[in-house]
Protein backbone atom coordinates (compact mmCIF):
# COMPACT_ATOMS: atom_id res chain seq x y z
CA MET A 1 -79.35 32.22 -147.96
CA THR A 2 -76.35 32.63 -150.24
CA LEU A 3 -73.67 35.27 -149.78
CA ALA A 4 -74.73 37.00 -153.00
CA LEU A 5 -78.33 37.20 -151.82
CA THR A 6 -77.22 38.54 -148.44
CA ARG A 7 -75.24 41.34 -150.10
CA GLY A 8 -78.19 42.11 -152.36
CA VAL A 9 -80.55 42.48 -149.41
CA LEU A 10 -78.09 44.77 -147.62
CA ARG A 11 -77.71 46.93 -150.73
CA ARG A 12 -81.49 47.14 -150.93
CA PHE A 13 -82.03 48.42 -147.40
CA VAL A 14 -78.98 50.58 -146.68
CA PRO A 15 -78.73 53.02 -149.64
CA SER A 16 -82.06 54.76 -148.95
CA TRP A 17 -80.72 55.73 -145.52
CA ARG A 18 -77.14 56.36 -146.58
CA HIS A 19 -77.26 60.12 -145.94
CA PRO A 20 -79.81 60.70 -143.14
CA ALA A 21 -77.82 63.72 -141.92
CA ARG A 22 -78.60 65.57 -145.16
CA ILE A 23 -82.33 65.11 -144.62
CA VAL A 24 -82.13 66.31 -141.01
CA VAL A 25 -80.05 69.39 -141.79
CA THR A 26 -82.20 70.32 -144.78
CA ALA A 27 -85.42 69.96 -142.80
CA PHE A 28 -84.26 72.17 -139.95
CA ALA A 29 -82.67 74.73 -142.26
CA SER A 30 -85.97 74.95 -144.14
CA ALA A 31 -87.91 75.47 -140.90
CA ILE A 32 -85.51 78.24 -139.90
CA ALA A 33 -85.86 79.89 -143.31
CA VAL A 34 -89.66 79.84 -143.09
CA GLY A 35 -89.53 81.18 -139.53
CA THR A 36 -87.18 83.97 -140.58
CA VAL A 37 -89.52 85.07 -143.36
CA LEU A 38 -92.53 85.05 -141.02
CA LEU A 39 -90.71 87.06 -138.36
CA LEU A 40 -89.68 89.63 -140.97
CA LEU A 41 -93.34 90.38 -141.74
CA PRO A 42 -94.52 93.73 -140.34
CA ALA A 43 -97.36 91.92 -138.55
CA ALA A 44 -94.82 89.96 -136.46
CA ALA A 45 -93.44 93.07 -134.76
CA ALA A 46 -95.19 95.17 -132.15
CA PRO A 47 -96.34 98.68 -133.14
CA GLY A 48 -93.34 100.97 -133.49
CA GLN A 49 -90.88 98.06 -133.79
CA SER A 50 -89.02 96.83 -136.86
CA THR A 51 -87.05 93.63 -137.29
CA GLY A 52 -83.78 93.32 -139.18
CA PHE A 53 -82.80 90.20 -141.10
CA VAL A 54 -80.11 89.10 -138.63
CA SER A 55 -82.45 89.51 -135.65
CA ALA A 56 -85.18 87.51 -137.40
CA LEU A 57 -82.71 84.79 -138.41
CA PHE A 58 -81.26 84.64 -134.90
CA THR A 59 -84.70 84.39 -133.27
CA ALA A 60 -85.95 81.76 -135.73
CA THR A 61 -82.81 79.67 -135.21
CA SER A 62 -83.08 80.03 -131.44
CA ALA A 63 -86.73 78.89 -131.56
CA VAL A 64 -86.33 75.97 -133.98
CA CYS A 65 -83.19 74.81 -132.16
CA VAL A 66 -85.11 75.27 -128.86
CA THR A 67 -82.37 77.43 -127.38
CA GLY A 68 -83.97 80.57 -125.97
CA LEU A 69 -81.25 83.15 -126.56
CA VAL A 70 -82.74 86.45 -127.72
CA VAL A 71 -81.37 89.67 -129.18
CA VAL A 72 -84.67 91.54 -128.78
CA ASP A 73 -87.05 91.51 -125.82
CA THR A 74 -89.71 88.90 -126.64
CA PRO A 75 -92.78 90.47 -124.94
CA THR A 76 -92.10 94.04 -126.12
CA HIS A 77 -90.62 93.57 -129.60
CA TRP A 78 -92.95 90.92 -131.01
CA SER A 79 -96.68 91.17 -131.60
CA THR A 80 -99.05 88.38 -130.63
CA PHE A 81 -98.62 87.01 -134.16
CA GLY A 82 -94.83 87.08 -133.76
CA GLU A 83 -95.05 85.30 -130.41
CA LEU A 84 -97.28 82.64 -131.96
CA VAL A 85 -94.76 82.16 -134.76
CA ILE A 86 -92.03 81.65 -132.14
CA LEU A 87 -94.26 79.23 -130.25
CA GLY A 88 -94.92 77.26 -133.44
CA LEU A 89 -91.21 77.11 -134.26
CA ILE A 90 -90.45 75.86 -130.75
CA GLN A 91 -93.03 73.09 -131.09
CA VAL A 92 -91.81 72.09 -134.54
CA GLY A 93 -88.19 72.09 -133.39
CA GLY A 94 -88.87 70.12 -130.21
CA LEU A 95 -91.06 67.48 -131.84
CA GLY A 96 -88.71 67.30 -134.81
CA ILE A 97 -85.64 66.69 -132.71
CA MET A 98 -87.28 64.00 -130.59
CA THR A 99 -88.79 62.26 -133.61
CA ILE A 100 -85.72 62.39 -135.83
CA ALA A 101 -83.34 61.35 -133.05
CA SER A 102 -85.58 58.43 -132.09
CA LEU A 103 -85.93 57.28 -135.69
CA LEU A 104 -82.18 57.54 -136.29
CA GLY A 105 -81.54 55.57 -133.13
CA LEU A 106 -84.01 52.91 -134.22
CA LEU A 107 -82.41 52.85 -137.66
CA VAL A 108 -78.96 52.27 -136.18
CA VAL A 109 -80.22 49.45 -133.97
CA ARG A 110 -82.17 47.80 -136.78
CA ARG A 111 -79.30 48.06 -139.24
CA PHE A 112 -76.92 46.17 -136.99
CA GLY A 113 -79.70 43.78 -136.05
CA LEU A 114 -80.25 43.13 -139.76
CA ARG A 115 -76.58 42.34 -140.29
CA LEU A 116 -76.50 39.87 -137.43
CA GLN A 117 -79.71 38.19 -138.52
CA LEU A 118 -78.58 37.88 -142.13
CA THR A 119 -75.32 36.36 -140.98
CA ALA A 120 -77.23 33.83 -138.90
CA GLN A 121 -79.66 33.22 -141.80
CA THR A 122 -82.71 34.20 -139.75
CA GLU A 123 -85.68 36.43 -140.42
CA THR A 124 -84.83 40.05 -141.29
CA LYS A 125 -86.32 43.04 -139.52
CA ALA A 126 -86.30 46.31 -141.44
CA LEU A 127 -87.39 49.76 -140.33
CA ASP A 128 -90.97 49.62 -141.61
CA LEU A 129 -93.91 52.00 -141.69
CA GLY A 130 -95.31 50.58 -138.47
CA ASP A 131 -92.11 51.49 -136.59
CA VAL A 132 -92.21 55.03 -137.93
CA ARG A 133 -95.86 55.46 -136.95
CA ARG A 134 -95.25 54.18 -133.42
CA VAL A 135 -92.25 56.45 -132.89
CA VAL A 136 -93.96 59.57 -134.24
CA GLY A 137 -97.20 58.80 -132.41
CA GLY A 138 -95.38 58.16 -129.15
CA VAL A 139 -93.36 61.38 -129.38
CA VAL A 140 -96.46 63.47 -130.11
CA LEU A 141 -98.49 61.82 -127.34
CA ILE A 142 -95.80 62.25 -124.68
CA SER A 143 -95.20 65.87 -125.70
CA LEU A 144 -98.86 66.84 -125.67
CA LEU A 145 -99.57 65.13 -122.35
CA PHE A 146 -96.77 66.94 -120.52
CA GLU A 147 -97.51 70.25 -122.22
CA LEU A 148 -101.22 69.97 -121.39
CA ALA A 149 -100.62 69.12 -117.74
CA THR A 150 -98.09 71.95 -117.33
CA SER A 151 -100.40 74.40 -119.14
CA ILE A 152 -103.27 73.61 -116.77
CA LEU A 153 -101.14 74.12 -113.65
CA LEU A 154 -99.59 77.37 -114.87
CA THR A 155 -102.92 78.72 -116.12
CA ALA A 156 -104.62 77.99 -112.82
CA ARG A 157 -101.85 79.66 -110.83
CA LEU A 158 -101.71 82.77 -113.03
CA GLY A 159 -105.48 83.13 -113.00
CA LEU A 160 -106.10 82.42 -109.32
CA GLY A 161 -102.89 83.70 -107.78
CA TYR A 162 -101.95 86.70 -109.91
CA GLY A 163 -105.28 88.03 -111.12
CA TYR A 164 -104.73 87.36 -114.82
CA GLY A 165 -107.81 87.26 -117.00
CA TRP A 166 -108.50 83.67 -118.01
CA GLY A 167 -107.73 84.32 -121.66
CA GLU A 168 -104.37 85.86 -120.80
CA ALA A 169 -103.69 83.15 -118.22
CA VAL A 170 -104.32 80.41 -120.78
CA TYR A 171 -102.08 82.13 -123.34
CA HIS A 172 -99.21 82.57 -120.90
CA GLY A 173 -99.69 79.10 -119.44
CA VAL A 174 -99.61 77.35 -122.81
CA PHE A 175 -96.67 79.42 -124.09
CA HIS A 176 -94.47 78.70 -121.08
CA ALA A 177 -95.53 75.05 -120.88
CA VAL A 178 -94.51 74.44 -124.51
CA SER A 179 -91.31 76.43 -123.99
CA ALA A 180 -90.49 74.44 -120.83
CA PHE A 181 -91.15 70.93 -122.16
CA ASN A 182 -89.18 71.67 -125.31
CA ASN A 183 -86.35 73.12 -123.20
CA ALA A 184 -86.58 76.36 -125.17
CA GLY A 185 -86.45 78.98 -122.42
CA PHE A 186 -88.46 81.67 -124.24
CA ALA A 187 -90.55 83.70 -121.78
CA LEU A 188 -93.20 86.39 -122.09
CA TYR A 189 -91.64 88.46 -119.32
CA PRO A 190 -88.62 90.78 -119.68
CA ASP A 191 -87.02 89.21 -116.57
CA SER A 192 -87.75 85.61 -117.67
CA LEU A 193 -89.20 84.01 -114.49
CA VAL A 194 -87.44 86.16 -111.88
CA ARG A 195 -90.80 87.52 -110.65
CA PHE A 196 -91.81 83.95 -109.77
CA ALA A 197 -88.52 82.99 -108.08
CA THR A 198 -90.16 82.07 -104.75
CA ASP A 199 -93.42 80.65 -106.16
CA PRO A 200 -93.34 76.83 -106.17
CA TRP A 201 -96.65 76.67 -108.08
CA ILE A 202 -94.88 78.22 -111.07
CA CYS A 203 -91.31 76.98 -110.66
CA LEU A 204 -92.02 73.31 -109.87
CA PRO A 205 -94.27 72.61 -112.90
CA VAL A 206 -91.64 74.27 -115.10
CA ILE A 207 -88.91 72.14 -113.51
CA VAL A 208 -90.88 68.93 -114.08
CA ALA A 209 -91.66 69.85 -117.70
CA VAL A 210 -87.99 70.64 -118.39
CA LEU A 211 -86.85 67.34 -116.90
CA ALA A 212 -89.53 65.40 -118.76
CA GLY A 213 -88.53 66.82 -122.12
CA GLY A 214 -84.84 66.42 -121.38
CA LEU A 215 -84.99 62.70 -120.52
CA GLY A 216 -85.75 61.67 -124.07
CA PHE A 217 -88.43 59.62 -125.77
CA PRO A 218 -86.65 56.22 -125.49
CA VAL A 219 -86.45 56.52 -121.69
CA TRP A 220 -90.14 57.40 -121.39
CA ILE A 221 -91.04 54.39 -123.52
CA GLU A 222 -89.08 52.17 -121.15
CA ILE A 223 -90.73 53.73 -118.11
CA TRP A 224 -94.11 53.05 -119.67
CA ARG A 225 -93.25 49.44 -120.56
CA ARG A 226 -91.93 48.80 -117.07
CA ARG A 227 -95.37 49.70 -115.72
CA ARG A 228 -96.74 46.90 -117.89
CA GLY A 229 -94.41 44.28 -116.45
CA ARG A 230 -91.10 44.71 -118.27
CA ARG A 231 -88.39 43.76 -115.77
CA ARG A 232 -85.07 44.77 -117.28
CA TRP A 233 -83.94 48.31 -117.98
CA SER A 234 -81.79 48.93 -121.03
CA LEU A 235 -78.28 50.25 -120.50
CA HIS A 236 -79.26 53.54 -122.14
CA ALA A 237 -82.14 54.13 -119.72
CA LYS A 238 -80.09 53.23 -116.67
CA ILE A 239 -77.22 55.52 -117.65
CA THR A 240 -79.56 58.39 -118.53
CA LEU A 241 -81.58 58.22 -115.30
CA LEU A 242 -78.59 57.69 -113.02
CA THR A 243 -76.39 60.38 -114.56
CA THR A 244 -79.27 62.85 -114.75
CA GLY A 245 -80.05 62.36 -111.07
CA VAL A 246 -76.43 62.74 -109.98
CA LEU A 247 -75.80 65.86 -112.07
CA LEU A 248 -79.05 67.48 -110.96
CA GLY A 249 -78.25 66.91 -107.31
CA LEU A 250 -74.66 68.13 -107.60
CA GLY A 251 -75.67 71.11 -109.73
CA ALA A 252 -78.42 72.29 -107.41
CA VAL A 253 -76.30 71.90 -104.26
CA THR A 254 -73.24 73.55 -105.79
CA ILE A 255 -75.11 76.53 -107.23
CA ALA A 256 -77.12 77.08 -104.06
CA ALA A 257 -74.02 76.90 -101.87
CA ALA A 258 -71.99 79.22 -104.12
CA GLU A 259 -74.75 81.86 -104.37
CA TRP A 260 -76.24 81.49 -100.86
CA ASN A 261 -74.85 84.80 -99.55
CA ASN A 262 -74.63 86.70 -102.85
CA PRO A 263 -76.96 89.69 -102.33
CA GLU A 264 -77.48 90.03 -106.09
CA THR A 265 -78.83 86.49 -106.53
CA LEU A 266 -79.91 84.19 -103.67
CA GLY A 267 -78.77 86.36 -100.78
CA ALA A 268 -81.89 88.52 -100.78
CA LEU A 269 -84.28 85.54 -100.56
CA GLY A 270 -85.52 83.62 -97.54
CA ILE A 271 -84.37 80.05 -96.87
CA GLY A 272 -87.31 78.54 -98.76
CA GLY A 273 -86.75 80.87 -101.69
CA LYS A 274 -83.04 80.09 -101.75
CA LEU A 275 -83.69 76.35 -101.84
CA LEU A 276 -86.31 76.68 -104.58
CA ALA A 277 -84.17 79.00 -106.71
CA GLY A 278 -81.12 76.78 -106.16
CA LEU A 279 -83.08 73.75 -107.36
CA PHE A 280 -84.46 75.74 -110.29
CA HIS A 281 -81.00 76.76 -111.43
CA GLY A 282 -79.67 73.26 -110.93
CA VAL A 283 -82.22 72.09 -113.49
CA MET A 284 -82.18 74.90 -116.05
CA PRO A 285 -78.65 74.27 -117.43
CA ARG A 286 -80.01 70.87 -118.58
CA THR A 287 -80.97 72.87 -121.12
CA ALA A 288 -84.02 75.06 -120.58
CA GLY A 289 -82.80 78.64 -120.42
CA PHE A 290 -85.29 80.08 -117.94
CA ASN A 291 -83.82 81.99 -115.01
CA SER A 292 -85.34 83.01 -111.67
CA ILE A 293 -82.28 85.02 -110.52
CA ASP A 294 -79.96 87.35 -112.41
CA VAL A 295 -77.41 85.09 -114.13
CA GLY A 296 -75.18 88.08 -114.92
CA GLN A 297 -74.65 88.66 -111.18
CA MET A 298 -73.54 85.10 -110.41
CA GLU A 299 -70.07 84.40 -109.02
CA PRO A 300 -67.42 83.37 -111.60
CA GLY A 301 -67.24 79.90 -110.06
CA THR A 302 -71.01 79.49 -110.43
CA LEU A 303 -70.78 80.47 -114.09
CA LEU A 304 -68.14 77.79 -114.60
CA VAL A 305 -70.38 75.17 -112.96
CA ASN A 306 -73.15 76.26 -115.32
CA ASP A 307 -70.76 75.96 -118.28
CA ILE A 308 -70.04 72.33 -117.34
CA LEU A 309 -73.69 71.42 -116.81
CA MET A 310 -74.76 73.13 -120.04
CA PHE A 311 -72.07 71.40 -122.08
CA ILE A 312 -73.12 67.97 -120.77
CA GLY A 313 -76.80 68.65 -121.40
CA GLY A 314 -79.62 66.14 -121.05
CA GLY A 315 -80.80 62.82 -122.44
CA SER A 316 -80.53 61.57 -126.01
CA ALA A 317 -83.55 61.76 -128.36
CA GLY A 318 -85.09 64.47 -126.18
CA THR A 319 -85.45 68.22 -126.30
CA ALA A 320 -82.28 68.88 -124.29
CA GLY A 321 -79.00 69.86 -125.92
CA GLY A 322 -75.33 69.39 -125.04
CA ILE A 323 -73.22 66.35 -125.77
CA LYS A 324 -75.80 64.33 -123.76
CA VAL A 325 -75.47 62.62 -120.40
CA THR A 326 -74.87 59.22 -122.01
CA THR A 327 -71.83 60.54 -123.88
CA PHE A 328 -70.45 62.06 -120.69
CA ALA A 329 -71.10 58.91 -118.63
CA LEU A 330 -69.59 56.58 -121.24
CA LEU A 331 -66.40 58.64 -121.33
CA ALA A 332 -66.27 58.54 -117.53
CA PHE A 333 -66.53 54.73 -117.61
CA VAL A 334 -63.80 54.57 -120.26
CA ILE A 335 -61.49 56.66 -118.06
CA LEU A 336 -62.30 54.53 -115.02
CA ALA A 337 -61.52 51.32 -116.89
CA GLU A 338 -58.21 52.78 -118.12
CA ILE A 339 -57.24 53.85 -114.59
CA ARG A 340 -57.97 50.34 -113.36
CA GLY A 341 -55.93 48.84 -116.18
CA GLU A 342 -58.86 46.82 -117.53
CA PRO A 343 -58.64 45.73 -121.19
CA THR A 344 -62.37 46.30 -121.86
CA VAL A 345 -65.01 48.68 -120.54
CA HIS A 346 -67.86 47.13 -118.57
CA VAL A 347 -70.91 49.17 -117.58
CA MET A 348 -73.73 47.81 -115.42
CA GLY A 349 -73.34 44.24 -116.57
CA ARG A 350 -72.66 45.07 -120.20
CA ARG A 351 -69.48 45.53 -122.27
CA LEU A 352 -69.04 48.68 -124.35
CA THR A 353 -67.90 48.13 -127.91
CA ALA A 354 -64.80 49.95 -129.12
CA SER A 355 -66.90 51.75 -131.75
CA THR A 356 -69.21 53.18 -129.08
CA GLN A 357 -66.23 54.51 -127.16
CA ARG A 358 -64.79 56.14 -130.29
CA GLN A 359 -68.14 57.70 -131.16
CA ALA A 360 -68.51 59.22 -127.68
CA LEU A 361 -64.96 60.59 -127.81
CA THR A 362 -65.49 62.03 -131.29
CA VAL A 363 -68.74 63.80 -130.34
CA ALA A 364 -67.19 65.25 -127.17
CA LEU A 365 -63.96 66.51 -128.75
CA LEU A 366 -65.61 68.01 -131.82
CA SER A 367 -68.07 69.77 -129.49
CA VAL A 368 -65.16 71.16 -127.47
CA GLY A 369 -63.62 72.38 -130.72
CA ALA A 370 -66.85 74.14 -131.76
CA VAL A 371 -67.19 75.91 -128.38
CA VAL A 372 -63.54 76.97 -128.31
CA SER A 373 -63.70 78.27 -131.89
CA GLY A 374 -66.86 80.24 -131.18
CA THR A 375 -65.40 81.67 -127.99
CA LEU A 376 -62.23 82.82 -129.74
CA ILE A 377 -64.21 84.53 -132.51
CA LEU A 378 -66.50 86.29 -130.03
CA LEU A 379 -63.53 87.45 -127.96
CA THR A 380 -62.07 88.98 -131.11
CA LEU A 381 -65.32 90.69 -132.09
CA THR A 382 -66.47 91.98 -128.69
CA PRO A 383 -65.07 93.76 -125.61
CA PHE A 384 -66.64 91.30 -123.17
CA THR A 385 -64.67 89.19 -120.67
CA LEU A 386 -63.75 85.54 -121.18
CA ASP A 387 -66.17 84.16 -118.58
CA ALA A 388 -69.13 86.01 -120.15
CA VAL A 389 -68.18 85.08 -123.72
CA LEU A 390 -67.49 81.43 -122.86
CA PHE A 391 -70.83 81.24 -121.06
CA GLU A 392 -72.59 82.63 -124.13
CA ALA A 393 -70.82 80.24 -126.52
CA VAL A 394 -71.55 77.18 -124.40
CA SER A 395 -75.16 78.27 -123.91
CA ALA A 396 -75.62 78.65 -127.67
CA PHE A 397 -73.91 75.39 -128.65
CA ALA A 398 -75.66 73.41 -125.91
CA THR A 399 -78.97 75.10 -126.91
CA VAL A 400 -79.58 76.26 -123.34
CA GLY A 401 -80.53 79.91 -123.67
CA LEU A 402 -79.12 81.21 -120.39
CA SER A 403 -77.18 84.45 -120.74
CA THR A 404 -75.20 86.87 -118.63
CA GLY A 405 -76.94 89.66 -120.51
CA ILE A 406 -74.49 90.29 -123.35
CA THR A 407 -76.51 88.75 -126.20
CA ALA A 408 -78.32 91.94 -127.18
CA GLY A 409 -75.01 93.84 -127.09
CA LEU A 410 -73.29 91.65 -129.67
CA PRO A 411 -72.56 93.03 -133.15
CA ALA A 412 -74.32 91.46 -136.13
CA THR A 413 -71.31 89.21 -136.81
CA GLY A 414 -71.39 88.03 -133.20
CA GLU A 415 -75.09 87.18 -133.55
CA LEU A 416 -74.29 85.16 -136.67
CA VAL A 417 -71.58 83.27 -134.78
CA LEU A 418 -74.10 82.32 -132.09
CA THR A 419 -76.61 81.39 -134.80
CA VAL A 420 -74.12 78.93 -136.30
CA LEU A 421 -73.30 77.55 -132.85
CA MET A 422 -76.99 76.98 -132.09
CA PHE A 423 -77.52 75.15 -135.38
CA LEU A 424 -74.40 73.03 -134.97
CA GLY A 425 -75.18 72.29 -131.32
CA ARG A 426 -78.75 71.27 -132.02
CA LEU A 427 -78.07 68.99 -134.99
CA GLY A 428 -74.37 68.21 -134.68
CA PRO A 429 -74.28 65.57 -131.92
CA ILE A 430 -77.38 63.79 -133.27
CA THR A 431 -76.38 63.60 -136.91
CA LEU A 432 -72.71 62.97 -136.12
CA ALA A 433 -73.42 60.07 -133.77
CA SER A 434 -75.87 58.41 -136.16
CA ALA A 435 -73.59 58.98 -139.15
CA LEU A 436 -70.64 57.43 -137.33
CA ALA A 437 -72.71 54.42 -136.36
CA LEU A 438 -74.15 53.92 -139.82
CA ARG A 439 -70.70 54.17 -141.43
CA GLU A 440 -69.20 51.42 -139.28
CA ARG A 441 -67.61 48.69 -141.34
CA THR A 442 -65.26 45.77 -140.96
CA ARG A 443 -61.53 46.28 -141.65
CA ARG A 444 -60.14 43.52 -143.90
CA TYR A 445 -56.60 43.78 -142.56
CA GLU A 446 -54.60 45.31 -139.69
CA LEU A 447 -51.25 47.11 -139.81
CA PRO A 448 -48.33 46.26 -137.49
CA GLU A 449 -48.92 47.51 -133.95
CA GLU A 450 -46.81 50.27 -132.39
CA ARG A 451 -47.34 52.26 -129.21
CA PRO A 452 -46.35 55.94 -129.07
CA ILE A 453 -45.62 57.64 -125.74
CA VAL A 454 -48.76 59.01 -124.07
CA GLY A 455 -48.58 61.83 -121.57
């Protein structure tokens, strides 16, 4: 294959995917716009309730971005139609994020694979219709399986253990199962899941659904293939599973220990209840948004631990938010290599490219900038303390949905700030990482080297 032909093939495949971020942003903005219009309809509000534009926009954004922050009480403000609109927006947002992130990841891999294969004059592999069908089909299948299983367990418990009529039990079971798997955190109870704090038949299915959605579609595909005889885990899967396990363990132990004797949170529960609630709140910052104890009564140190866990988030190409556990782990490995004085970064038998390190650093620092900017604006607009405002900003950007209780007390401008943070946090890391990878190119020359003083 000649050089001219190689360039022609590259020009043929790359331009159609040159601006994937525009498609993603437009699609989610359109879904939010449709959701806002539907929630503004009189039929969406409960009798005697009316919905303003900012409240409808905030709720639609929170649902599509699977966050869970609310400015009006979900079970009392919205009618059944309004709740179904929110449920639909959650499902669209969750499936959309998993599908788009998986396709963008596949696109990035295939693009670099195409370059290498063209250079070696071997067969090309483009992102074809079959790939798209497999990704979309896999995402839908995994989502529906987990949502169905969680719905059955929650429905059975509500019907048999709490005396719900079976129609109401099914409705509540399905709503909370979809909300849990998509890491949305919307609940049909004014106290979220506080009334079920000591009930493992409610809390454990929710925990499993949250973790399942937060791992990400690529990891589940690898788990499935390993059952069929695949021997080697990819670096992405190993980092995601290991980091998730470590952060979950540390989070649950730290939160339980810090709140063990707090009479406003875990202190009033028995030992079993404390352990269950501690585990529950070690998982929820990953980014579900349900709470089984009053977050506003947590110790300042516990809030800071939650801030850290929320900012890190869950797995890539899943329903969780944050900068993602892979980004956090890669930066940790970069720091470790620098401390050791090693010229390259090795992780689990593989070497990280310099571009991957730069991408992780860029995503992390821009995310820090977004949270700090949002926090400063909210501090200017509201009378609330720094720990409460920072918690709210991180929760919005990381699309978690946990709150110390100040969301409904924010002015309209404060609600708009959180709306922007939710949108940026949901789409920012995904589109930024893929855009950086797709823009990678070879430098034709290097300038003279010079080392400034660091530190």
